[in-house]
Amino acid sequence: MTTAVITDTDGGILDGDVRNDRAVGPMQFIPSTWERYAADGNRDGIADPQNLYDAARAAATYLCAAGGDLSTDAGRRRAIYAYNHSDAYVAKVLGFTQEYISLLA
């Protein structure tokens, strides 16, 4: 698996690296993506990529923006692919989704 090299966009504020951007928090946001989609999911007045509630809310906003209509297979695939440009990743996440759905039935 290859990893994209993304030059620093935040002066190392979120990820501690002034040379390259690194994914941060439970939803693994790149600092420039966090800057665009940051959210205060737990309404404490702070949007923190390390806070699960904030990160989950930001990820939901990002996925909806990237995928469009998430009620369709194509929309879900677009959203997941936008999060990680890998067909194998998309297949894995959709597989986990089906497993989760089957547990709810």
PDB file of N, CA and C in Angstrom:
ATOM      1  N   MET A   1       0.837  -1.173   0.000  1.00  0.00           N
ATOM      2  CA  MET A   1       0.000   0.000   0.000  1.00  0.00           C
ATOM      3  C   MET A   1       0.885   1.240   0.000  1.00  0.00           C
ATOM      4  N   THR A   2       0.568   2.180  -0.860  1.00  0.00           N
ATOM      5  CA  THR A   2       1.339   3.414  -0.912  1.00  0.00           C
ATOM      6  C   THR A   2       0.612   4.514  -0.146  1.00  0.00           C
ATOM      7  N   THR A   3       1.381   5.454   0.324  1.00  0.00           N
ATOM      8  CA  THR A   3       0.832   6.574   1.067  1.00  0.00           C
ATOM      9  C   THR A   3       1.187   7.857   0.338  1.00  0.00           C
ATOM     10  N   ALA A   4       0.217   8.731   0.146  1.00  0.00           N
ATOM     11  CA  ALA A   4       0.475  10.008  -0.509  1.00  0.00           C
ATOM     12  C   ALA A   4       1.269  10.916   0.427  1.00  0.00           C
ATOM     13  N   VAL A   5       2.222  11.634  -0.124  1.00  0.00           N
ATOM     14  CA  VAL A   5       2.966  12.621   0.642  1.00  0.00           C
ATOM     15  C   VAL A   5       2.290  13.965   0.422  1.00  0.00           C
ATOM     16  N   ILE A   6       1.841  14.572   1.509  1.00  0.00           N
ATOM     17  CA  ILE A   6       1.158  15.862   1.445  1.00  0.00           C
ATOM     18  C   ILE A   6       1.998  16.850   2.230  1.00  0.00           C
ATOM     19  N   THR A   7       2.455  17.887   1.548  1.00  0.00           N
ATOM     20  CA  THR A   7       3.286  18.863   2.241  1.00  0.00           C
ATOM     21  C   THR A   7       2.454  19.612   3.278  1.00  0.00           C
ATOM     22  N   ASP A   8       3.141  20.116   4.285  1.00  0.00           N
ATOM     23  CA  ASP A   8       2.502  20.740   5.435  1.00  0.00           C
ATOM     24  C   ASP A   8       1.574  21.885   5.043  1.00  0.00           C
ATOM     25  N   THR A   9       0.394  21.913   5.675  1.00  0.00           N
ATOM     26  CA  THR A   9      -0.576  22.986   5.448  1.00  0.00           C
ATOM     27  C   THR A   9      -0.944  23.725   6.729  1.00  0.00           C
ATOM     28  N   ASP A  10      -0.487  23.224   7.876  1.00  0.00           N
ATOM     29  CA  ASP A  10      -0.920  23.826   9.142  1.00  0.00           C
ATOM     30  C   ASP A  10       0.230  24.245  10.053  1.00  0.00           C
ATOM     31  N   GLY A  11       1.444  24.273   9.519  1.00  0.00           N
ATOM     32  CA  GLY A  11       2.586  24.642  10.355  1.00  0.00           C
ATOM     33  C   GLY A  11       2.821  23.676  11.496  1.00  0.00           C
ATOM     34  N   GLY A  12       2.327  22.443  11.349  1.00  0.00           N
ATOM     35  CA  GLY A  12       2.502  21.423  12.367  1.00  0.00           C
ATOM     36  C   GLY A  12       1.588  21.557  13.572  1.00  0.00           C
ATOM     37  N   ILE A  13       0.625  22.460  13.513  1.00  0.00           N
ATOM     38  CA  ILE A  13      -0.239  22.713  14.668  1.00  0.00           C
ATOM     39  C   ILE A  13      -1.014  21.467  15.090  1.00  0.00           C
ATOM     40  N   LEU A  14      -1.648  20.797  14.146  1.00  0.00           N
ATOM     41  CA  LEU A  14      -2.470  19.634  14.507  1.00  0.00           C
ATOM     42  C   LEU A  14      -1.682  18.341  14.596  1.00  0.00           C
ATOM     43  N   ASP A  15      -0.690  18.198  13.715  1.00  0.00           N
ATOM     44  CA  ASP A  15      -0.001  16.904  13.609  1.00  0.00           C
ATOM     45  C   ASP A  15       1.434  16.908  14.102  1.00  0.00           C
ATOM     46  N   GLY A  16       1.952  18.067  14.507  1.00  0.00           N
ATOM     47  CA  GLY A  16       3.309  18.149  15.024  1.00  0.00           C
ATOM     48  C   GLY A  16       4.397  18.044  13.968  1.00  0.00           C
ATOM     49  N   ASP A  17       4.028  18.028  12.692  1.00  0.00           N
ATOM     50  CA  ASP A  17       5.001  17.886  11.603  1.00  0.00           C
ATOM     51  C   ASP A  17       4.949  19.128  10.730  1.00  0.00           C
ATOM     52  N   VAL A  18       6.053  19.872  10.684  1.00  0.00           N
ATOM     53  CA  VAL A  18       6.095  21.097   9.885  1.00  0.00           C
ATOM     54  C   VAL A  18       6.545  20.842   8.447  1.00  0.00           C
ATOM     55  N   ARG A  19       6.850  19.604   8.136  1.00  0.00           N
ATOM     56  CA  ARG A  19       7.287  19.264   6.782  1.00  0.00           C
ATOM     57  C   ARG A  19       6.154  18.655   5.948  1.00  0.00           C
ATOM     58  N   ASN A  20       5.470  17.670   6.528  1.00  0.00           N
ATOM     59  CA  ASN A  20       4.388  16.977   5.823  1.00  0.00           C
ATOM     60  C   ASN A  20       3.150  16.918   6.702  1.00  0.00           C
ATOM     61  N   ASP A  21       1.990  16.862   6.064  1.00  0.00           N
ATOM     62  CA  ASP A  21       0.761  16.662   6.815  1.00  0.00           C
ATOM     63  C   ASP A  21       0.611  15.193   7.150  1.00  0.00           C
ATOM     64  N   ARG A  22       0.135  14.942   8.349  1.00  0.00           N
ATOM     65  CA  ARG A  22      -0.121  13.586   8.845  1.00  0.00           C
ATOM     66  C   ARG A  22      -1.583  13.515   9.287  1.00  0.00           C
ATOM     67  N   ALA A  23      -2.188  12.369   9.114  1.00  0.00           N
ATOM     68  CA  ALA A  23      -3.570  12.181   9.540  1.00  0.00           C
ATOM     69  C   ALA A  23      -3.640  12.228  11.064  1.00  0.00           C
ATOM     70  N   VAL A  24      -4.697  12.875  11.566  1.00  0.00           N
ATOM     71  CA  VAL A  24      -4.855  13.037  13.016  1.00  0.00           C
ATOM     72  C   VAL A  24      -6.245  12.599  13.474  1.00  0.00           C
ATOM     73  N   GLY A  25      -6.305  12.178  14.715  1.00  0.00           N
ATOM     74  CA  GLY A  25      -7.576  11.861  15.352  1.00  0.00           C
ATOM     75  C   GLY A  25      -8.173  10.529  14.949  1.00  0.00           C
ATOM     76  N   PRO A  26      -9.293  10.191  15.577  1.00  0.00           N
ATOM     77  CA  PRO A  26      -9.907   8.885  15.335  1.00  0.00           C
ATOM     78  C   PRO A  26     -10.428   8.694  13.906  1.00  0.00           C
ATOM     79  N   MET A  27     -10.711   9.793  13.198  1.00  0.00           N
ATOM     80  CA  MET A  27     -11.184   9.664  11.822  1.00  0.00           C
ATOM     81  C   MET A  27     -10.076   9.950  10.814  1.00  0.00           C
ATOM     82  N   GLN A  28      -8.855  10.163  11.315  1.00  0.00           N
ATOM     83  CA  GLN A  28      -7.665  10.315  10.486  1.00  0.00           C
ATOM     84  C   GLN A  28      -7.790  11.433   9.445  1.00  0.00           C
ATOM     85  N   PHE A  29      -8.067  12.635   9.926  1.00  0.00           N
ATOM     86  CA  PHE A  29      -8.159  13.802   9.052  1.00  0.00           C
ATOM     87  C   PHE A  29      -6.782  14.374   8.764  1.00  0.00           C
ATOM     88  N   ILE A  30      -6.536  14.711   7.501  1.00  0.00           N
ATOM     89  CA  ILE A  30      -5.381  15.509   7.121  1.00  0.00           C
ATOM     90  C   ILE A  30      -5.702  16.937   7.577  1.00  0.00           C
ATOM     91  N   PRO A  31      -4.738  17.681   8.118  1.00  0.00           N
ATOM     92  CA  PRO A  31      -5.044  19.013   8.641  1.00  0.00           C
ATOM     93  C   PRO A  31      -5.809  19.929   7.685  1.00  0.00           C
ATOM     94  N   SER A  32      -5.479  19.932   6.401  1.00  0.00           N
ATOM     95  CA  SER A  32      -6.194  20.813   5.466  1.00  0.00           C
ATOM     96  C   SER A  32      -7.654  20.383   5.299  1.00  0.00           C
ATOM     97  N   THR A  33      -7.919  19.088   5.379  1.00  0.00           N
ATOM     98  CA  THR A  33      -9.299  18.610   5.292  1.00  0.00           C
ATOM     99  C   THR A  33     -10.038  18.951   6.580  1.00  0.00           C
ATOM    100  N   TRP A  34      -9.366  18.810   7.713  1.00  0.00           N
ATOM    101  CA  TRP A  34      -9.981  19.191   8.982  1.00  0.00           C
ATOM    102  C   TRP A  34     -10.345  20.671   8.963  1.00  0.00           C
ATOM    103  N   GLU A  35      -9.468  21.510   8.442  1.00  0.00           N
ATOM    104  CA  GLU A  35      -9.742  22.943   8.393  1.00  0.00           C
ATOM    105  C   GLU A  35     -11.051  23.224   7.638  1.00  0.00           C
ATOM    106  N   ARG A  36     -11.299  22.468   6.596  1.00  0.00           N
ATOM    107  CA  ARG A  36     -12.496  22.684   5.783  1.00  0.00           C
ATOM    108  C   ARG A  36     -13.762  22.105   6.428  1.00  0.00           C
ATOM    109  N   TYR A  37     -13.648  20.950   7.078  1.00  0.00           N
ATOM    110  CA  TYR A  37     -14.827  20.239   7.583  1.00  0.00           C
ATOM    111  C   TYR A  37     -14.936  20.192   9.108  1.00  0.00           C
ATOM    112  N   ALA A  38     -14.070  20.898   9.802  1.00  0.00           N
ATOM    113  CA  ALA A  38     -14.075  20.879  11.273  1.00  0.00           C
ATOM    114  C   ALA A  38     -15.478  21.091  11.821  1.00  0.00           C
ATOM    115  N   ALA A  39     -15.804  20.354  12.864  1.00  0.00           N
ATOM    116  CA  ALA A  39     -17.138  20.432  13.460  1.00  0.00           C
ATOM    117  C   ALA A  39     -17.043  20.290  14.976  1.00  0.00           C
ATOM    118  N   ASP A  40     -18.005  20.874  15.646  1.00  0.00           N
ATOM    119  CA  ASP A  40     -18.107  20.765  17.101  1.00  0.00           C
ATOM    120  C   ASP A  40     -19.250  19.798  17.408  1.00  0.00           C
ATOM    121  N   GLY A  41     -18.955  18.508  17.307  1.00  0.00           N
ATOM    122  CA  GLY A  41     -19.969  17.480  17.449  1.00  0.00           C
ATOM    123  C   GLY A  41     -20.582  17.358  18.828  1.00  0.00           C
ATOM    124  N   ASN A  42     -19.853  17.727  19.857  1.00  0.00           N
ATOM    125  CA  ASN A  42     -20.400  17.612  21.219  1.00  0.00           C
ATOM    126  C   ASN A  42     -20.801  18.967  21.801  1.00  0.00           C
ATOM    127  N   ARG A  43     -20.759  19.990  20.977  1.00  0.00           N
ATOM    128  CA  ARG A  43     -21.210  21.338  21.337  1.00  0.00           C
ATOM    129  C   ARG A  43     -20.541  21.901  22.587  1.00  0.00           C
ATOM    130  N   ASP A  44     -19.224  21.678  22.676  1.00  0.00           N
ATOM    131  CA  ASP A  44     -18.490  22.261  23.801  1.00  0.00           C
ATOM    132  C   ASP A  44     -17.781  23.556  23.412  1.00  0.00           C
ATOM    133  N   GLY A  45     -18.032  24.025  22.183  1.00  0.00           N
ATOM    134  CA  GLY A  45     -17.436  25.264  21.716  1.00  0.00           C
ATOM    135  C   GLY A  45     -16.075  25.090  21.062  1.00  0.00           C
ATOM    136  N   ILE A  46     -15.603  23.847  20.948  1.00  0.00           N
ATOM    137  CA  ILE A  46     -14.286  23.572  20.372  1.00  0.00           C
ATOM    138  C   ILE A  46     -14.421  22.483  19.316  1.00  0.00           C
ATOM    139  N   ALA A  47     -13.873  22.742  18.134  1.00  0.00           N
ATOM    140  CA  ALA A  47     -13.805  21.715  17.087  1.00  0.00           C
ATOM    141  C   ALA A  47     -12.414  21.089  17.169  1.00  0.00           C
ATOM    142  N   ASP A  48     -12.345  19.862  17.646  1.00  0.00           N
ATOM    143  CA  ASP A  48     -11.073  19.194  17.927  1.00  0.00           C
ATOM    144  C   ASP A  48     -11.016  17.864  17.167  1.00  0.00           C
ATOM    145  N   PRO A  49     -10.049  17.697  16.256  1.00  0.00           N
ATOM    146  CA  PRO A  49      -9.983  16.447  15.492  1.00  0.00           C
ATOM    147  C   PRO A  49      -9.675  15.228  16.352  1.00  0.00           C
ATOM    148  N   GLN A  50      -9.201  15.443  17.592  1.00  0.00           N
ATOM    149  CA  GLN A  50      -8.920  14.334  18.499  1.00  0.00           C
ATOM    150  C   GLN A  50     -10.165  13.904  19.284  1.00  0.00           C
ATOM    151  N   ASN A  51     -11.211  14.716  19.259  1.00  0.00           N
ATOM    152  CA  ASN A  51     -12.446  14.422  19.977  1.00  0.00           C
ATOM    153  C   ASN A  51     -13.329  13.552  19.083  1.00  0.00           C
ATOM    154  N   LEU A  52     -13.741  12.404  19.564  1.00  0.00           N
ATOM    155  CA  LEU A  52     -14.516  11.466  18.759  1.00  0.00           C
ATOM    156  C   LEU A  52     -15.797  12.081  18.212  1.00  0.00           C
ATOM    157  N   TYR A  53     -16.518  12.839  19.035  1.00  0.00           N
ATOM    158  CA  TYR A  53     -17.780  13.435  18.599  1.00  0.00           C
ATOM    159  C   TYR A  53     -17.541  14.456  17.482  1.00  0.00           C
ATOM    160  N   ASP A  54     -16.527  15.288  17.655  1.00  0.00           N
ATOM    161  CA  ASP A  54     -16.202  16.292  16.646  1.00  0.00           C
ATOM    162  C   ASP A  54     -15.740  15.628  15.355  1.00  0.00           C
ATOM    163  N   ALA A  55     -14.872  14.647  15.492  1.00  0.00           N
ATOM    164  CA  ALA A  55     -14.332  13.964  14.312  1.00  0.00           C
ATOM    165  C   ALA A  55     -15.421  13.206  13.548  1.00  0.00           C
ATOM    166  N   ALA A  56     -16.327  12.554  14.288  1.00  0.00           N
ATOM    167  CA  ALA A  56     -17.406  11.808  13.628  1.00  0.00           C
ATOM    168  C   ALA A  56     -18.344  12.761  12.888  1.00  0.00           C
ATOM    169  N   ARG A  57     -18.656  13.892  13.502  1.00  0.00           N
ATOM    170  CA  ARG A  57     -19.531  14.876  12.853  1.00  0.00           C
ATOM    171  C   ARG A  57     -18.865  15.429  11.596  1.00  0.00           C
ATOM    172  N   ALA A  58     -17.581  15.742  11.675  1.00  0.00           N
ATOM    173  CA  ALA A  58     -16.857  16.254  10.518  1.00  0.00           C
ATOM    174  C   ALA A  58     -16.780  15.202   9.415  1.00  0.00           C
ATOM    175  N   ALA A  59     -16.544  13.953   9.793  1.00  0.00           N
ATOM    176  CA  ALA A  59     -16.479  12.874   8.807  1.00  0.00           C
ATOM    177  C   ALA A  59     -17.820  12.697   8.105  1.00  0.00           C
ATOM    178  N   ALA A  60     -18.907  12.789   8.850  1.00  0.00           N
ATOM    179  CA  ALA A  60     -20.237  12.672   8.242  1.00  0.00           C
ATOM    180  C   ALA A  60     -20.470  13.787   7.230  1.00  0.00           C
ATOM    181  N   THR A  61     -20.101  15.001   7.585  1.00  0.00           N
ATOM    182  CA  THR A  61     -20.258  16.134   6.670  1.00  0.00           C
ATOM    183  C   THR A  61     -19.409  15.924   5.425  1.00  0.00           C
ATOM    184  N   TYR A  62     -18.176  15.489   5.625  1.00  0.00           N
ATOM    185  CA  TYR A  62     -17.267  15.233   4.503  1.00  0.00           C
ATOM    186  C   TYR A  62     -17.829  14.155   3.572  1.00  0.00           C
ATOM    187  N   LEU A  63     -18.286  13.043   4.138  1.00  0.00           N
ATOM    188  CA  LEU A  63     -18.802  11.938   3.328  1.00  0.00           C
ATOM    189  C   LEU A  63     -20.051  12.348   2.565  1.00  0.00           C
ATOM    190  N   CYS A  64     -20.940  13.099   3.189  1.00  0.00           N
ATOM    191  CA  CYS A  64     -22.148  13.563   2.496  1.00  0.00           C
ATOM    192  C   CYS A  64     -21.792  14.512   1.357  1.00  0.00           C
ATOM    193  N   ALA A  65     -20.836  15.396   1.586  1.00  0.00           N
ATOM    194  CA  ALA A  65     -20.420  16.325   0.542  1.00  0.00           C
ATOM    195  C   ALA A  65     -19.761  15.594  -0.623  1.00  0.00           C
ATOM    196  N   ALA A  66     -18.973  14.590  -0.320  1.00  0.00           N
ATOM    197  CA  ALA A  66     -18.235  13.872  -1.359  1.00  0.00           C
ATOM    198  C   ALA A  66     -19.107  12.902  -2.143  1.00  0.00           C
ATOM    199  N   GLY A  67     -20.065  12.273  -1.481  1.00  0.00           N
ATOM    200  CA  GLY A  67     -20.831  11.215  -2.120  1.00  0.00           C
ATOM    201  C   GLY A  67     -22.121  11.643  -2.767  1.00  0.00           C
ATOM    202  N   GLY A  68     -22.644  12.772  -2.322  1.00  0.00           N
ATOM    203  CA  GLY A  68     -23.953  13.173  -2.832  1.00  0.00           C
ATOM    204  C   GLY A  68     -25.039  12.369  -2.144  1.00  0.00           C
ATOM    205  N   ASP A  69     -25.789  11.607  -2.922  1.00  0.00           N
ATOM    206  CA  ASP A  69     -26.905  10.825  -2.383  1.00  0.00           C
ATOM    207  C   ASP A  69     -26.383   9.517  -1.798  1.00  0.00           C
ATOM    208  N   LEU A  70     -26.246   9.470  -0.484  1.00  0.00           N
ATOM    209  CA  LEU A  70     -25.696   8.279   0.163  1.00  0.00           C
ATOM    210  C   LEU A  70     -26.714   7.157   0.303  1.00  0.00           C
ATOM    211  N   SER A  71     -27.933   7.379  -0.180  1.00  0.00           N
ATOM    212  CA  SER A  71     -28.908   6.289  -0.182  1.00  0.00           C
ATOM    213  C   SER A  71     -28.702   5.374  -1.383  1.00  0.00           C
ATOM    214  N   THR A  72     -27.800   5.758  -2.285  1.00  0.00           N
ATOM    215  CA  THR A  72     -27.505   4.935  -3.459  1.00  0.00           C
ATOM    216  C   THR A  72     -26.142   4.271  -3.304  1.00  0.00           C
ATOM    217  N   ASP A  73     -25.974   3.144  -3.955  1.00  0.00           N
ATOM    218  CA  ASP A  73     -24.684   2.455  -3.941  1.00  0.00           C
ATOM    219  C   ASP A  73     -23.597   3.347  -4.538  1.00  0.00           C
ATOM    220  N   ALA A  74     -23.908   4.014  -5.636  1.00  0.00           N
ATOM    221  CA  ALA A  74     -22.919   4.884  -6.289  1.00  0.00           C
ATOM    222  C   ALA A  74     -22.498   6.019  -5.369  1.00  0.00           C
ATOM    223  N   GLY A  75     -23.446   6.606  -4.650  1.00  0.00           N
ATOM    224  CA  GLY A  75     -23.119   7.687  -3.723  1.00  0.00           C
ATOM    225  C   GLY A  75     -22.242   7.218  -2.587  1.00  0.00           C
ATOM    226  N   ARG A  76     -22.566   6.058  -2.038  1.00  0.00           N
ATOM    227  CA  ARG A  76     -21.737   5.510  -0.952  1.00  0.00           C
ATOM    228  C   ARG A  76     -20.328   5.213  -1.456  1.00  0.00           C
ATOM    229  N   ARG A  77     -20.228   4.643  -2.641  1.00  0.00           N
ATOM    230  CA  ARG A  77     -18.904   4.350  -3.204  1.00  0.00           C
ATOM    231  C   ARG A  77     -18.094   5.622  -3.427  1.00  0.00           C
ATOM    232  N   ARG A  78     -18.722   6.671  -3.969  1.00  0.00           N
ATOM    233  CA  ARG A  78     -18.024   7.948  -4.181  1.00  0.00           C
ATOM    234  C   ARG A  78     -17.525   8.514  -2.859  1.00  0.00           C
ATOM    235  N   ALA A  79     -18.375   8.469  -1.837  1.00  0.00           N
ATOM    236  CA  ALA A  79     -18.009   9.015  -0.534  1.00  0.00           C
ATOM    237  C   ALA A  79     -16.815   8.272   0.059  1.00  0.00           C
ATOM    238  N   ILE A  80     -16.878   6.968   0.053  1.00  0.00           N
ATOM    239  CA  ILE A  80     -15.791   6.168   0.634  1.00  0.00           C
ATOM    240  C   ILE A  80     -14.506   6.346  -0.162  1.00  0.00           C
ATOM    241  N   TYR A  81     -14.621   6.371  -1.483  1.00  0.00           N
ATOM    242  CA  TYR A  81     -13.433   6.551  -2.330  1.00  0.00           C
ATOM    243  C   TYR A  81     -12.803   7.923  -2.092  1.00  0.00           C
ATOM    244  N   ALA A  82     -13.622   8.933  -1.860  1.00  0.00           N
ATOM    245  CA  ALA A  82     -13.089  10.270  -1.575  1.00  0.00           C
ATOM    246  C   ALA A  82     -12.280  10.259  -0.285  1.00  0.00           C
ATOM    247  N   TYR A  83     -12.708   9.455   0.680  1.00  0.00           N
ATOM    248  CA  TYR A  83     -12.017   9.366   1.971  1.00  0.00           C
ATOM    249  C   TYR A  83     -10.674   8.675   1.835  1.00  0.00           C
ATOM    250  N   ASN A  84     -10.625   7.669   0.962  1.00  0.00           N
ATOM    251  CA  ASN A  84      -9.381   6.920   0.730  1.00  0.00           C
ATOM    252  C   ASN A  84      -9.418   6.393  -0.697  1.00  0.00           C
ATOM    253  N   HIS A  85      -8.561   6.933  -1.547  1.00  0.00           N
ATOM    254  CA  HIS A  85      -8.569   6.603  -2.979  1.00  0.00           C
ATOM    255  C   HIS A  85      -8.036   5.200  -3.238  1.00  0.00           C
ATOM    256  N   SER A  86      -8.816   4.224  -2.839  1.00  0.00           N
ATOM    257  CA  SER A  86      -8.421   2.823  -3.020  1.00  0.00           C
ATOM    258  C   SER A  86      -9.676   1.985  -3.217  1.00  0.00           C
ATOM    259  N   ASP A  87      -9.736   1.283  -4.337  1.00  0.00           N
ATOM    260  CA  ASP A  87     -10.881   0.405  -4.586  1.00  0.00           C
ATOM    261  C   ASP A  87     -10.952  -0.711  -3.543  1.00  0.00           C
ATOM    262  N   ALA A  88      -9.794  -1.196  -3.103  1.00  0.00           N
ATOM    263  CA  ALA A  88      -9.771  -2.238  -2.075  1.00  0.00           C
ATOM    264  C   ALA A  88     -10.354  -1.703  -0.763  1.00  0.00           C
ATOM    265  N   TYR A  89     -10.037  -0.468  -0.429  1.00  0.00           N
ATOM    266  CA  TYR A  89     -10.575   0.164   0.781  1.00  0.00           C
ATOM    267  C   TYR A  89     -12.092   0.290   0.680  1.00  0.00           C
ATOM    268  N   VAL A  90     -12.573   0.744  -0.473  1.00  0.00           N
ATOM    269  CA  VAL A  90     -14.018   0.876  -0.688  1.00  0.00           C
ATOM    270  C   VAL A  90     -14.705  -0.472  -0.469  1.00  0.00           C
ATOM    271  N   ALA A  91     -14.157  -1.512  -1.071  1.00  0.00           N
ATOM    272  CA  ALA A  91     -14.744  -2.855  -0.941  1.00  0.00           C
ATOM    273  C   ALA A  91     -14.745  -3.301   0.517  1.00  0.00           C
ATOM    274  N   LYS A  92     -13.663  -3.029   1.230  1.00  0.00           N
ATOM    275  CA  LYS A  92     -13.571  -3.439   2.631  1.00  0.00           C
ATOM    276  C   LYS A  92     -14.607  -2.711   3.489  1.00  0.00           C
ATOM    277  N   VAL A  93     -14.734  -1.400   3.299  1.00  0.00           N
ATOM    278  CA  VAL A  93     -15.695  -0.626   4.085  1.00  0.00           C
ATOM    279  C   VAL A  93     -17.120  -1.064   3.765  1.00  0.00           C
ATOM    280  N   LEU A  94     -17.433  -1.289   2.493  1.00  0.00           N
ATOM    281  CA  LEU A  94     -18.777  -1.749   2.133  1.00  0.00           C
ATOM    282  C   LEU A  94     -19.052  -3.134   2.708  1.00  0.00           C
ATOM    283  N   GLY A  95     -18.028  -3.980   2.775  1.00  0.00           N
ATOM    284  CA  GLY A  95     -18.175  -5.293   3.398  1.00  0.00           C
ATOM    285  C   GLY A  95     -18.483  -5.174   4.880  1.00  0.00           C
ATOM    286  N   PHE A  96     -17.759  -4.282   5.576  1.00  0.00           N
ATOM    287  CA  PHE A  96     -18.029  -4.043   6.994  1.00  0.00           C
ATOM    288  C   PHE A  96     -19.441  -3.488   7.186  1.00  0.00           C
ATOM    289  N   THR A  97     -19.859  -2.637   6.252  1.00  0.00           N
ATOM    290  CA  THR A  97     -21.200  -2.060   6.321  1.00  0.00           C
ATOM    291  C   THR A  97     -22.257  -3.157   6.269  1.00  0.00           C
ATOM    292  N   GLN A  98     -22.084  -4.092   5.361  1.00  0.00           N
ATOM    293  CA  GLN A  98     -23.048  -5.192   5.242  1.00  0.00           C
ATOM    294  C   GLN A  98     -23.054  -6.064   6.496  1.00  0.00           C
ATOM    295  N   GLU A  99     -21.881  -6.307   7.061  1.00  0.00           N
ATOM    296  CA  GLU A  99     -21.820  -7.079   8.299  1.00  0.00           C
ATOM    297  C   GLU A  99     -22.566  -6.368   9.422  1.00  0.00           C
ATOM    298  N   TYR A 100     -22.367  -5.073   9.511  1.00  0.00           N
ATOM    299  CA  TYR A 100     -23.039  -4.284  10.554  1.00  0.00           C
ATOM    300  C   TYR A 100     -24.558  -4.322  10.361  1.00  0.00           C
ATOM    301  N   ILE A 101     -25.000  -4.131   9.104  1.00  0.00           N
ATOM    302  CA  ILE A 101     -26.435  -4.165   8.810  1.00  0.00           C
ATOM    303  C   ILE A 101     -27.029  -5.506   9.191  1.00  0.00           C
ATOM    304  N   SER A 102     -26.311  -6.582   8.908  1.00  0.00           N
ATOM    305  CA  SER A 102     -26.836  -7.913   9.223  1.00  0.00           C
ATOM    306  C   SER A 102     -26.980  -8.125  10.734  1.00  0.00           C
ATOM    307  N   LEU A 103     -26.156  -7.464  11.523  1.00  0.00           N
ATOM    308  CA  LEU A 103     -26.263  -7.565  12.974  1.00  0.00           C
ATOM    309  C   LEU A 103     -27.495  -6.842  13.505  1.00  0.00           C
ATOM    310  N   LEU A 104     -27.946  -5.852  12.757  1.00  0.00           N
ATOM    311  CA  LEU A 104     -29.111  -5.076  13.184  1.00  0.00           C
ATOM    312  C   LEU A 104     -30.432  -5.766  12.849  1.00  0.00           C
ATOM    313  N   ALA A 105     -30.358  -6.715  11.940  1.00  0.00           N
ATOM    314  CA  ALA A 105     -31.594  -7.380  11.487  1.00  0.00           C
ATOM    315  C   ALA A 105     -32.111  -8.371  12.502  1.00  0.00           C
TER     316      ALA A 105
END
